[in-house]
Amino acid sequence: MIEVVWGRIKDCEGQVFRQLRGGEFFYQVKGNVIELSRTNRSVSKSTFQEALKYVPLENTVPVQNLQAPSYLFAILMDNRIRKGDW
């Protein structure tokens, strides 16, 4: 599943995503990491793989223990990434 999701994440590089509270951001893919535009953080492919265990997400609580939970939520729950899979 992570390979399919990571492919979608790569396909959406540079597009605008929206956090739960309305903050907009985009990201760049660099190998197995994405670099976020609104923060000095990056999120690894393995972090997304871990977060997939909790989808679908209603909020960020299940992924609070992972890096950049609000960004994980925004990306994984976006229809461009979900494509109806969860």
PDB file of N, CA and C in Angstrom:
ATOM      1  N   MET A   1       0.817  -1.207   0.000  1.00  0.00           N
ATOM      2  CA  MET A   1       0.000   0.000   0.000  1.00  0.00           C
ATOM      3  C   MET A   1       0.856   1.265   0.000  1.00  0.00           C
ATOM      4  N   ILE A   2       1.983   1.241   0.728  1.00  0.00           N
ATOM      5  CA  ILE A   2       2.798   2.451   0.796  1.00  0.00           C
ATOM      6  C   ILE A   2       3.329   2.840  -0.582  1.00  0.00           C
ATOM      7  N   GLU A   3       3.640   1.876  -1.425  1.00  0.00           N
ATOM      8  CA  GLU A   3       4.168   2.224  -2.747  1.00  0.00           C
ATOM      9  C   GLU A   3       3.114   2.957  -3.580  1.00  0.00           C
ATOM     10  N   VAL A   4       1.866   2.521  -3.490  1.00  0.00           N
ATOM     11  CA  VAL A   4       0.781   3.192  -4.206  1.00  0.00           C
ATOM     12  C   VAL A   4       0.600   4.607  -3.663  1.00  0.00           C
ATOM     13  N   VAL A   5       0.544   4.727  -2.351  1.00  0.00           N
ATOM     14  CA  VAL A   5       0.343   6.029  -1.713  1.00  0.00           C
ATOM     15  C   VAL A   5       1.533   6.946  -1.990  1.00  0.00           C
ATOM     16  N   TRP A   6       2.740   6.424  -1.881  1.00  0.00           N
ATOM     17  CA  TRP A   6       3.927   7.248  -2.127  1.00  0.00           C
ATOM     18  C   TRP A   6       3.948   7.733  -3.580  1.00  0.00           C
ATOM     19  N   GLY A   7       3.509   6.897  -4.499  1.00  0.00           N
ATOM     20  CA  GLY A   7       3.404   7.320  -5.901  1.00  0.00           C
ATOM     21  C   GLY A   7       2.439   8.489  -6.063  1.00  0.00           C
ATOM     22  N   ARG A   8       1.321   8.443  -5.359  1.00  0.00           N
ATOM     23  CA  ARG A   8       0.350   9.537  -5.398  1.00  0.00           C
ATOM     24  C   ARG A   8       0.938  10.795  -4.770  1.00  0.00           C
ATOM     25  N   ILE A   9       1.660  10.621  -3.666  1.00  0.00           N
ATOM     26  CA  ILE A   9       2.305  11.765  -3.013  1.00  0.00           C
ATOM     27  C   ILE A   9       3.290  12.416  -3.979  1.00  0.00           C
ATOM     28  N   LYS A  10       4.077  11.605  -4.673  1.00  0.00           N
ATOM     29  CA  LYS A  10       5.028  12.161  -5.651  1.00  0.00           C
ATOM     30  C   LYS A  10       4.290  12.875  -6.782  1.00  0.00           C
ATOM     31  N   ASP A  11       3.190  12.302  -7.225  1.00  0.00           N
ATOM     32  CA  ASP A  11       2.410  12.907  -8.319  1.00  0.00           C
ATOM     33  C   ASP A  11       1.846  14.279  -7.938  1.00  0.00           C
ATOM     34  N   CYS A  12       1.605  14.502  -6.661  1.00  0.00           N
ATOM     35  CA  CYS A  12       0.996  15.757  -6.191  1.00  0.00           C
ATOM     36  C   CYS A  12       2.022  16.760  -5.682  1.00  0.00           C
ATOM     37  N   GLU A  13       3.285  16.491  -5.882  1.00  0.00           N
ATOM     38  CA  GLU A  13       4.345  17.408  -5.458  1.00  0.00           C
ATOM     39  C   GLU A  13       4.084  18.806  -6.016  1.00  0.00           C
ATOM     40  N   GLY A  14       4.214  19.807  -5.160  1.00  0.00           N
ATOM     41  CA  GLY A  14       4.034  21.198  -5.576  1.00  0.00           C
ATOM     42  C   GLY A  14       2.596  21.688  -5.545  1.00  0.00           C
ATOM     43  N   GLN A  15       1.634  20.795  -5.367  1.00  0.00           N
ATOM     44  CA  GLN A  15       0.239  21.203  -5.288  1.00  0.00           C
ATOM     45  C   GLN A  15      -0.091  21.681  -3.876  1.00  0.00           C
ATOM     46  N   VAL A  16      -1.104  22.501  -3.769  1.00  0.00           N
ATOM     47  CA  VAL A  16      -1.483  23.067  -2.473  1.00  0.00           C
ATOM     48  C   VAL A  16      -2.369  22.079  -1.708  1.00  0.00           C
ATOM     49  N   PHE A  17      -2.022  21.880  -0.448  1.00  0.00           N
ATOM     50  CA  PHE A  17      -2.804  21.063   0.472  1.00  0.00           C
ATOM     51  C   PHE A  17      -3.259  21.949   1.620  1.00  0.00           C
ATOM     52  N   ARG A  18      -4.297  21.537   2.327  1.00  0.00           N
ATOM     53  CA  ARG A  18      -4.860  22.344   3.415  1.00  0.00           C
ATOM     54  C   ARG A  18      -4.942  21.534   4.703  1.00  0.00           C
ATOM     55  N   GLN A  19      -4.410  22.114   5.781  1.00  0.00           N
ATOM     56  CA  GLN A  19      -4.489  21.488   7.094  1.00  0.00           C
ATOM     57  C   GLN A  19      -5.895  21.661   7.666  1.00  0.00           C
ATOM     58  N   LEU A  20      -6.182  20.929   8.727  1.00  0.00           N
ATOM     59  CA  LEU A  20      -7.501  21.003   9.368  1.00  0.00           C
ATOM     60  C   LEU A  20      -7.891  22.431   9.735  1.00  0.00           C
ATOM     61  N   ARG A  21      -6.954  23.212  10.208  1.00  0.00           N
ATOM     62  CA  ARG A  21      -7.249  24.585  10.622  1.00  0.00           C
ATOM     63  C   ARG A  21      -7.099  25.592   9.497  1.00  0.00           C
ATOM     64  N   GLY A  22      -6.938  25.118   8.270  1.00  0.00           N
ATOM     65  CA  GLY A  22      -6.958  25.995   7.112  1.00  0.00           C
ATOM     66  C   GLY A  22      -5.616  26.430   6.574  1.00  0.00           C
ATOM     67  N   GLY A  23      -4.534  26.114   7.257  1.00  0.00           N
ATOM     68  CA  GLY A  23      -3.215  26.491   6.749  1.00  0.00           C
ATOM     69  C   GLY A  23      -2.906  25.776   5.447  1.00  0.00           C
ATOM     70  N   GLU A  24      -2.425  26.517   4.470  1.00  0.00           N
ATOM     71  CA  GLU A  24      -2.096  25.928   3.175  1.00  0.00           C
ATOM     72  C   GLU A  24      -0.600  25.707   3.074  1.00  0.00           C
ATOM     73  N   PHE A  25      -0.215  24.640   2.400  1.00  0.00           N
ATOM     74  CA  PHE A  25       1.191  24.309   2.216  1.00  0.00           C
ATOM     75  C   PHE A  25       1.355  23.470   0.962  1.00  0.00           C
ATOM     76  N   PHE A  26       2.583  23.329   0.543  1.00  0.00           N
ATOM     77  CA  PHE A  26       2.933  22.385  -0.516  1.00  0.00           C
ATOM     78  C   PHE A  26       4.206  21.680  -0.061  1.00  0.00           C
ATOM     79  N   TYR A  27       4.657  20.731  -0.841  1.00  0.00           N
ATOM     80  CA  TYR A  27       5.860  19.997  -0.466  1.00  0.00           C
ATOM     81  C   TYR A  27       6.666  19.625  -1.697  1.00  0.00           C
ATOM     82  N   GLN A  28       7.932  19.310  -1.456  1.00  0.00           N
ATOM     83  CA  GLN A  28       8.824  18.782  -2.487  1.00  0.00           C
ATOM     84  C   GLN A  28       9.251  17.399  -2.062  1.00  0.00           C
ATOM     85  N   VAL A  29       9.316  16.483  -3.026  1.00  0.00           N
ATOM     86  CA  VAL A  29       9.789  15.130  -2.746  1.00  0.00           C
ATOM     87  C   VAL A  29      11.278  15.073  -3.048  1.00  0.00           C
ATOM     88  N   LYS A  30      12.044  14.619  -2.058  1.00  0.00           N
ATOM     89  CA  LYS A  30      13.491  14.438  -2.228  1.00  0.00           C
ATOM     90  C   LYS A  30      13.819  13.016  -1.810  1.00  0.00           C
ATOM     91  N   GLY A  31      13.859  12.122  -2.773  1.00  0.00           N
ATOM     92  CA  GLY A  31      14.112  10.712  -2.466  1.00  0.00           C
ATOM     93  C   GLY A  31      12.950  10.111  -1.706  1.00  0.00           C
ATOM     94  N   ASN A  32      13.213   9.649  -0.490  1.00  0.00           N
ATOM     95  CA  ASN A  32      12.172   9.047   0.349  1.00  0.00           C
ATOM     96  C   ASN A  32      11.705   9.982   1.453  1.00  0.00           C
ATOM     97  N   VAL A  33      11.771  11.288   1.181  1.00  0.00           N
ATOM     98  CA  VAL A  33      11.389  12.304   2.161  1.00  0.00           C
ATOM     99  C   VAL A  33      10.641  13.414   1.428  1.00  0.00           C
ATOM    100  N   ILE A  34       9.647  14.019   2.116  1.00  0.00           N
ATOM    101  CA  ILE A  34       9.064  15.243   1.569  1.00  0.00           C
ATOM    102  C   ILE A  34       9.494  16.402   2.468  1.00  0.00           C
ATOM    103  N   GLU A  35       9.786  17.534   1.846  1.00  0.00           N
ATOM    104  CA  GLU A  35      10.120  18.758   2.566  1.00  0.00           C
ATOM    105  C   GLU A  35       8.918  19.683   2.484  1.00  0.00           C
ATOM    106  N   LEU A  36       8.460  20.144   3.640  1.00  0.00           N
ATOM    107  CA  LEU A  36       7.241  20.951   3.739  1.00  0.00           C
ATOM    108  C   LEU A  36       7.546  22.429   3.572  1.00  0.00           C
ATOM    109  N   SER A  37       6.624  23.153   2.946  1.00  0.00           N
ATOM    110  CA  SER A  37       6.839  24.570   2.644  1.00  0.00           C
ATOM    111  C   SER A  37       6.622  25.496   3.834  1.00  0.00           C
ATOM    112  N   ARG A  38       5.738  25.159   4.761  1.00  0.00           N
ATOM    113  CA  ARG A  38       5.374  26.078   5.856  1.00  0.00           C
ATOM    114  C   ARG A  38       6.186  25.881   7.126  1.00  0.00           C
ATOM    115  N   THR A  39       7.013  24.887   7.126  1.00  0.00           N
ATOM    116  CA  THR A  39       7.786  24.573   8.324  1.00  0.00           C
ATOM    117  C   THR A  39       9.137  24.027   7.894  1.00  0.00           C
ATOM    118  N   ASN A  40      10.049  24.013   8.809  1.00  0.00           N
ATOM    119  CA  ASN A  40      11.382  23.506   8.507  1.00  0.00           C
ATOM    120  C   ASN A  40      11.455  22.007   8.748  1.00  0.00           C
ATOM    121  N   ARG A  41      10.358  21.324   8.606  1.00  0.00           N
ATOM    122  CA  ARG A  41      10.297  19.886   8.851  1.00  0.00           C
ATOM    123  C   ARG A  41      10.256  19.103   7.547  1.00  0.00           C
ATOM    124  N   SER A  42      10.652  17.859   7.683  1.00  0.00           N
ATOM    125  CA  SER A  42      10.494  16.925   6.575  1.00  0.00           C
ATOM    126  C   SER A  42       9.827  15.670   7.130  1.00  0.00           C
ATOM    127  N   VAL A  43       9.203  14.916   6.246  1.00  0.00           N
ATOM    128  CA  VAL A  43       8.494  13.702   6.652  1.00  0.00           C
ATOM    129  C   VAL A  43       8.949  12.574   5.737  1.00  0.00           C
ATOM    130  N   SER A  44       9.351  11.473   6.351  1.00  0.00           N
ATOM    131  CA  SER A  44       9.870  10.347   5.578  1.00  0.00           C
ATOM    132  C   SER A  44       8.753   9.429   5.083  1.00  0.00           C
ATOM    133  N   LYS A  45       9.093   8.684   4.051  1.00  0.00           N
ATOM    134  CA  LYS A  45       8.176   7.673   3.520  1.00  0.00           C
ATOM    135  C   LYS A  45       7.798   6.674   4.607  1.00  0.00           C
ATOM    136  N   SER A  46       8.742   6.316   5.462  1.00  0.00           N
ATOM    137  CA  SER A  46       8.451   5.352   6.532  1.00  0.00           C
ATOM    138  C   SER A  46       7.453   5.923   7.542  1.00  0.00           C
ATOM    139  N   THR A  47       7.461   7.239   7.732  1.00  0.00           N
ATOM    140  CA  THR A  47       6.471   7.870   8.612  1.00  0.00           C
ATOM    141  C   THR A  47       5.080   7.757   7.999  1.00  0.00           C
ATOM    142  N   PHE A  48       4.983   7.971   6.701  1.00  0.00           N
ATOM    143  CA  PHE A  48       3.694   7.792   6.025  1.00  0.00           C
ATOM    144  C   PHE A  48       3.239   6.333   6.126  1.00  0.00           C
ATOM    145  N   GLN A  49       4.179   5.405   6.000  1.00  0.00           N
ATOM    146  CA  GLN A  49       3.839   3.989   6.109  1.00  0.00           C
ATOM    147  C   GLN A  49       3.254   3.687   7.485  1.00  0.00           C
ATOM    148  N   GLU A  50       3.849   4.236   8.516  1.00  0.00           N
ATOM    149  CA  GLU A  50       3.341   4.051   9.878  1.00  0.00           C
ATOM    150  C   GLU A  50       1.947   4.680  10.013  1.00  0.00           C
ATOM    151  N   ALA A  51       1.767   5.877   9.480  1.00  0.00           N
ATOM    152  CA  ALA A  51       0.491   6.593   9.577  1.00  0.00           C
ATOM    153  C   ALA A  51      -0.630   5.850   8.853  1.00  0.00           C
ATOM    154  N   LEU A  52      -0.300   5.108   7.810  1.00  0.00           N
ATOM    155  CA  LEU A  52      -1.323   4.368   7.065  1.00  0.00           C
ATOM    156  C   LEU A  52      -2.040   3.337   7.925  1.00  0.00           C
ATOM    157  N   LYS A  53      -1.427   2.924   9.016  1.00  0.00           N
ATOM    158  CA  LYS A  53      -2.067   1.965   9.926  1.00  0.00           C
ATOM    159  C   LYS A  53      -3.320   2.553  10.577  1.00  0.00           C
ATOM    160  N   TYR A  54      -3.433   3.876  10.576  1.00  0.00           N
ATOM    161  CA  TYR A  54      -4.519   4.551  11.288  1.00  0.00           C
ATOM    162  C   TYR A  54      -5.590   5.154  10.373  1.00  0.00           C
ATOM    163  N   VAL A  55      -5.422   5.050   9.071  1.00  0.00           N
ATOM    164  CA  VAL A  55      -6.409   5.645   8.175  1.00  0.00           C
ATOM    165  C   VAL A  55      -7.647   4.764   8.083  1.00  0.00           C
ATOM    166  N   PRO A  56      -8.828   5.335   7.893  1.00  0.00           N
ATOM    167  CA  PRO A  56      -9.072   6.775   7.741  1.00  0.00           C
ATOM    168  C   PRO A  56      -8.961   7.507   9.084  1.00  0.00           C
ATOM    169  N   LEU A  57      -8.497   8.726   9.004  1.00  0.00           N
ATOM    170  CA  LEU A  57      -8.327   9.573  10.186  1.00  0.00           C
ATOM    171  C   LEU A  57      -9.480  10.559  10.309  1.00  0.00           C
ATOM    172  N   GLU A  58      -9.994  10.721  11.508  1.00  0.00           N
ATOM    173  CA  GLU A  58     -11.001  11.756  11.753  1.00  0.00           C
ATOM    174  C   GLU A  58     -10.343  13.037  12.231  1.00  0.00           C
ATOM    175  N   ASN A  59      -9.178  12.897  12.853  1.00  0.00           N
ATOM    176  CA  ASN A  59      -8.405  14.039  13.335  1.00  0.00           C
ATOM    177  C   ASN A  59      -6.951  13.582  13.454  1.00  0.00           C
ATOM    178  N   THR A  60      -6.109  14.422  14.044  1.00  0.00           N
ATOM    179  CA  THR A  60      -4.683  14.100  14.112  1.00  0.00           C
ATOM    180  C   THR A  60      -4.287  13.268  15.330  1.00  0.00           C
ATOM    181  N   VAL A  61      -5.217  13.021  16.237  1.00  0.00           N
ATOM    182  CA  VAL A  61      -4.887  12.325  17.494  1.00  0.00           C
ATOM    183  C   VAL A  61      -4.172  10.984  17.270  1.00  0.00           C
ATOM    184  N   PRO A  62      -4.648  10.117  16.373  1.00  0.00           N
ATOM    185  CA  PRO A  62      -3.979   8.812  16.227  1.00  0.00           C
ATOM    186  C   PRO A  62      -2.525   8.904  15.740  1.00  0.00           C
ATOM    187  N   VAL A  63      -2.151  10.013  15.105  1.00  0.00           N
ATOM    188  CA  VAL A  63      -0.792  10.148  14.564  1.00  0.00           C
ATOM    189  C   VAL A  63       0.044  11.191  15.320  1.00  0.00           C
ATOM    190  N   GLN A  64      -0.414  11.583  16.514  1.00  0.00           N
ATOM    191  CA  GLN A  64       0.313  12.582  17.304  1.00  0.00           C
ATOM    192  C   GLN A  64       1.731  12.147  17.647  1.00  0.00           C
ATOM    193  N   ASN A  65       1.966  10.850  17.733  1.00  0.00           N
ATOM    194  CA  ASN A  65       3.293  10.366  18.073  1.00  0.00           C
ATOM    195  C   ASN A  65       4.249  10.360  16.877  1.00  0.00           C
ATOM    196  N   LEU A  66       3.757  10.704  15.693  1.00  0.00           N
ATOM    197  CA  LEU A  66       4.576  10.725  14.480  1.00  0.00           C
ATOM    198  C   LEU A  66       4.986  12.158  14.134  1.00  0.00           C
ATOM    199  N   GLN A  67       5.972  12.281  13.292  1.00  0.00           N
ATOM    200  CA  GLN A  67       6.465  13.574  12.834  1.00  0.00           C
ATOM    201  C   GLN A  67       5.372  14.331  12.067  1.00  0.00           C
ATOM    202  N   ALA A  68       5.166  15.594  12.384  1.00  0.00           N
ATOM    203  CA  ALA A  68       4.280  16.506  11.641  1.00  0.00           C
ATOM    204  C   ALA A  68       2.855  15.959  11.454  1.00  0.00           C
ATOM    205  N   PRO A  69       2.141  15.654  12.541  1.00  0.00           N
ATOM    206  CA  PRO A  69       0.833  15.012  12.424  1.00  0.00           C
ATOM    207  C   PRO A  69      -0.200  15.798  11.617  1.00  0.00           C
ATOM    208  N   SER A  70      -0.212  17.108  11.729  1.00  0.00           N
ATOM    209  CA  SER A  70      -1.218  17.873  10.972  1.00  0.00           C
ATOM    210  C   SER A  70      -0.956  17.801   9.471  1.00  0.00           C
ATOM    211  N   TYR A  71       0.297  17.667   9.092  1.00  0.00           N
ATOM    212  CA  TYR A  71       0.641  17.534   7.675  1.00  0.00           C
ATOM    213  C   TYR A  71       0.338  16.127   7.184  1.00  0.00           C
ATOM    214  N   LEU A  72       0.612  15.133   8.012  1.00  0.00           N
ATOM    215  CA  LEU A  72       0.246  13.755   7.662  1.00  0.00           C
ATOM    216  C   LEU A  72      -1.251  13.654   7.397  1.00  0.00           C
ATOM    217  N   PHE A  73      -2.037  14.228   8.312  1.00  0.00           N
ATOM    218  CA  PHE A  73      -3.485  14.199   8.155  1.00  0.00           C
ATOM    219  C   PHE A  73      -3.891  14.877   6.845  1.00  0.00           C
ATOM    220  N   ALA A  74      -3.372  16.079   6.626  1.00  0.00           N
ATOM    221  CA  ALA A  74      -3.758  16.851   5.436  1.00  0.00           C
ATOM    222  C   ALA A  74      -3.448  16.095   4.146  1.00  0.00           C
ATOM    223  N   ILE A  75      -2.314  15.449   4.101  1.00  0.00           N
ATOM    224  CA  ILE A  75      -1.923  14.740   2.881  1.00  0.00           C
ATOM    225  C   ILE A  75      -2.692  13.431   2.740  1.00  0.00           C
ATOM    226  N   LEU A  76      -2.695  12.620   3.780  1.00  0.00           N
ATOM    227  CA  LEU A  76      -3.315  11.294   3.664  1.00  0.00           C
ATOM    228  C   LEU A  76      -4.828  11.334   3.508  1.00  0.00           C
ATOM    229  N   MET A  77      -5.475  12.348   4.041  1.00  0.00           N
ATOM    230  CA  MET A  77      -6.929  12.407   3.949  1.00  0.00           C
ATOM    231  C   MET A  77      -7.422  13.226   2.758  1.00  0.00           C
ATOM    232  N   ASP A  78      -6.505  13.761   1.978  1.00  0.00           N
ATOM    233  CA  ASP A  78      -6.875  14.498   0.770  1.00  0.00           C
ATOM    234  C   ASP A  78      -7.345  13.515  -0.305  1.00  0.00           C
ATOM    235  N   ASN A  79      -8.383  13.877  -1.028  1.00  0.00           N
ATOM    236  CA  ASN A  79      -8.938  12.990  -2.060  1.00  0.00           C
ATOM    237  C   ASN A  79      -7.936  12.633  -3.155  1.00  0.00           C
ATOM    238  N   ARG A  80      -6.964  13.519  -3.407  1.00  0.00           N
ATOM    239  CA  ARG A  80      -5.955  13.221  -4.436  1.00  0.00           C
ATOM    240  C   ARG A  80      -5.069  12.051  -4.004  1.00  0.00           C
ATOM    241  N   ILE A  81      -4.909  11.877  -2.711  1.00  0.00           N
ATOM    242  CA  ILE A  81      -4.079  10.786  -2.190  1.00  0.00           C
ATOM    243  C   ILE A  81      -4.939   9.568  -1.844  1.00  0.00           C
ATOM    244  N   ARG A  82      -6.093   9.794  -1.229  1.00  0.00           N
ATOM    245  CA  ARG A  82      -6.997   8.697  -0.823  1.00  0.00           C
ATOM    246  C   ARG A  82      -7.537   7.924  -2.014  1.00  0.00           C
ATOM    247  N   LYS A  83      -8.029   8.640  -2.999  1.00  0.00           N
ATOM    248  CA  LYS A  83      -8.653   8.046  -4.191  1.00  0.00           C
ATOM    249  C   LYS A  83      -9.706   6.999  -3.821  1.00  0.00           C
ATOM    250  N   GLY A  84     -10.398   7.228  -2.690  1.00  0.00           N
ATOM    251  CA  GLY A  84     -11.461   6.316  -2.272  1.00  0.00           C
ATOM    252  C   GLY A  84     -10.987   5.019  -1.653  1.00  0.00           C
ATOM    253  N   ASP A  85      -9.689   4.903  -1.387  1.00  0.00           N
ATOM    254  CA  ASP A  85      -9.148   3.653  -0.830  1.00  0.00           C
ATOM    255  C   ASP A  85      -9.480   3.484   0.653  1.00  0.00           C
ATOM    256  N   TRP A  86      -9.747   4.566   1.352  1.00  0.00           N
ATOM    257  CA  TRP A  86     -10.105   4.490   2.779  1.00  0.00           C
ATOM    258  C   TRP A  86     -10.995   5.627   3.157  1.00  0.00           C
TER     259      TRP A  86
END
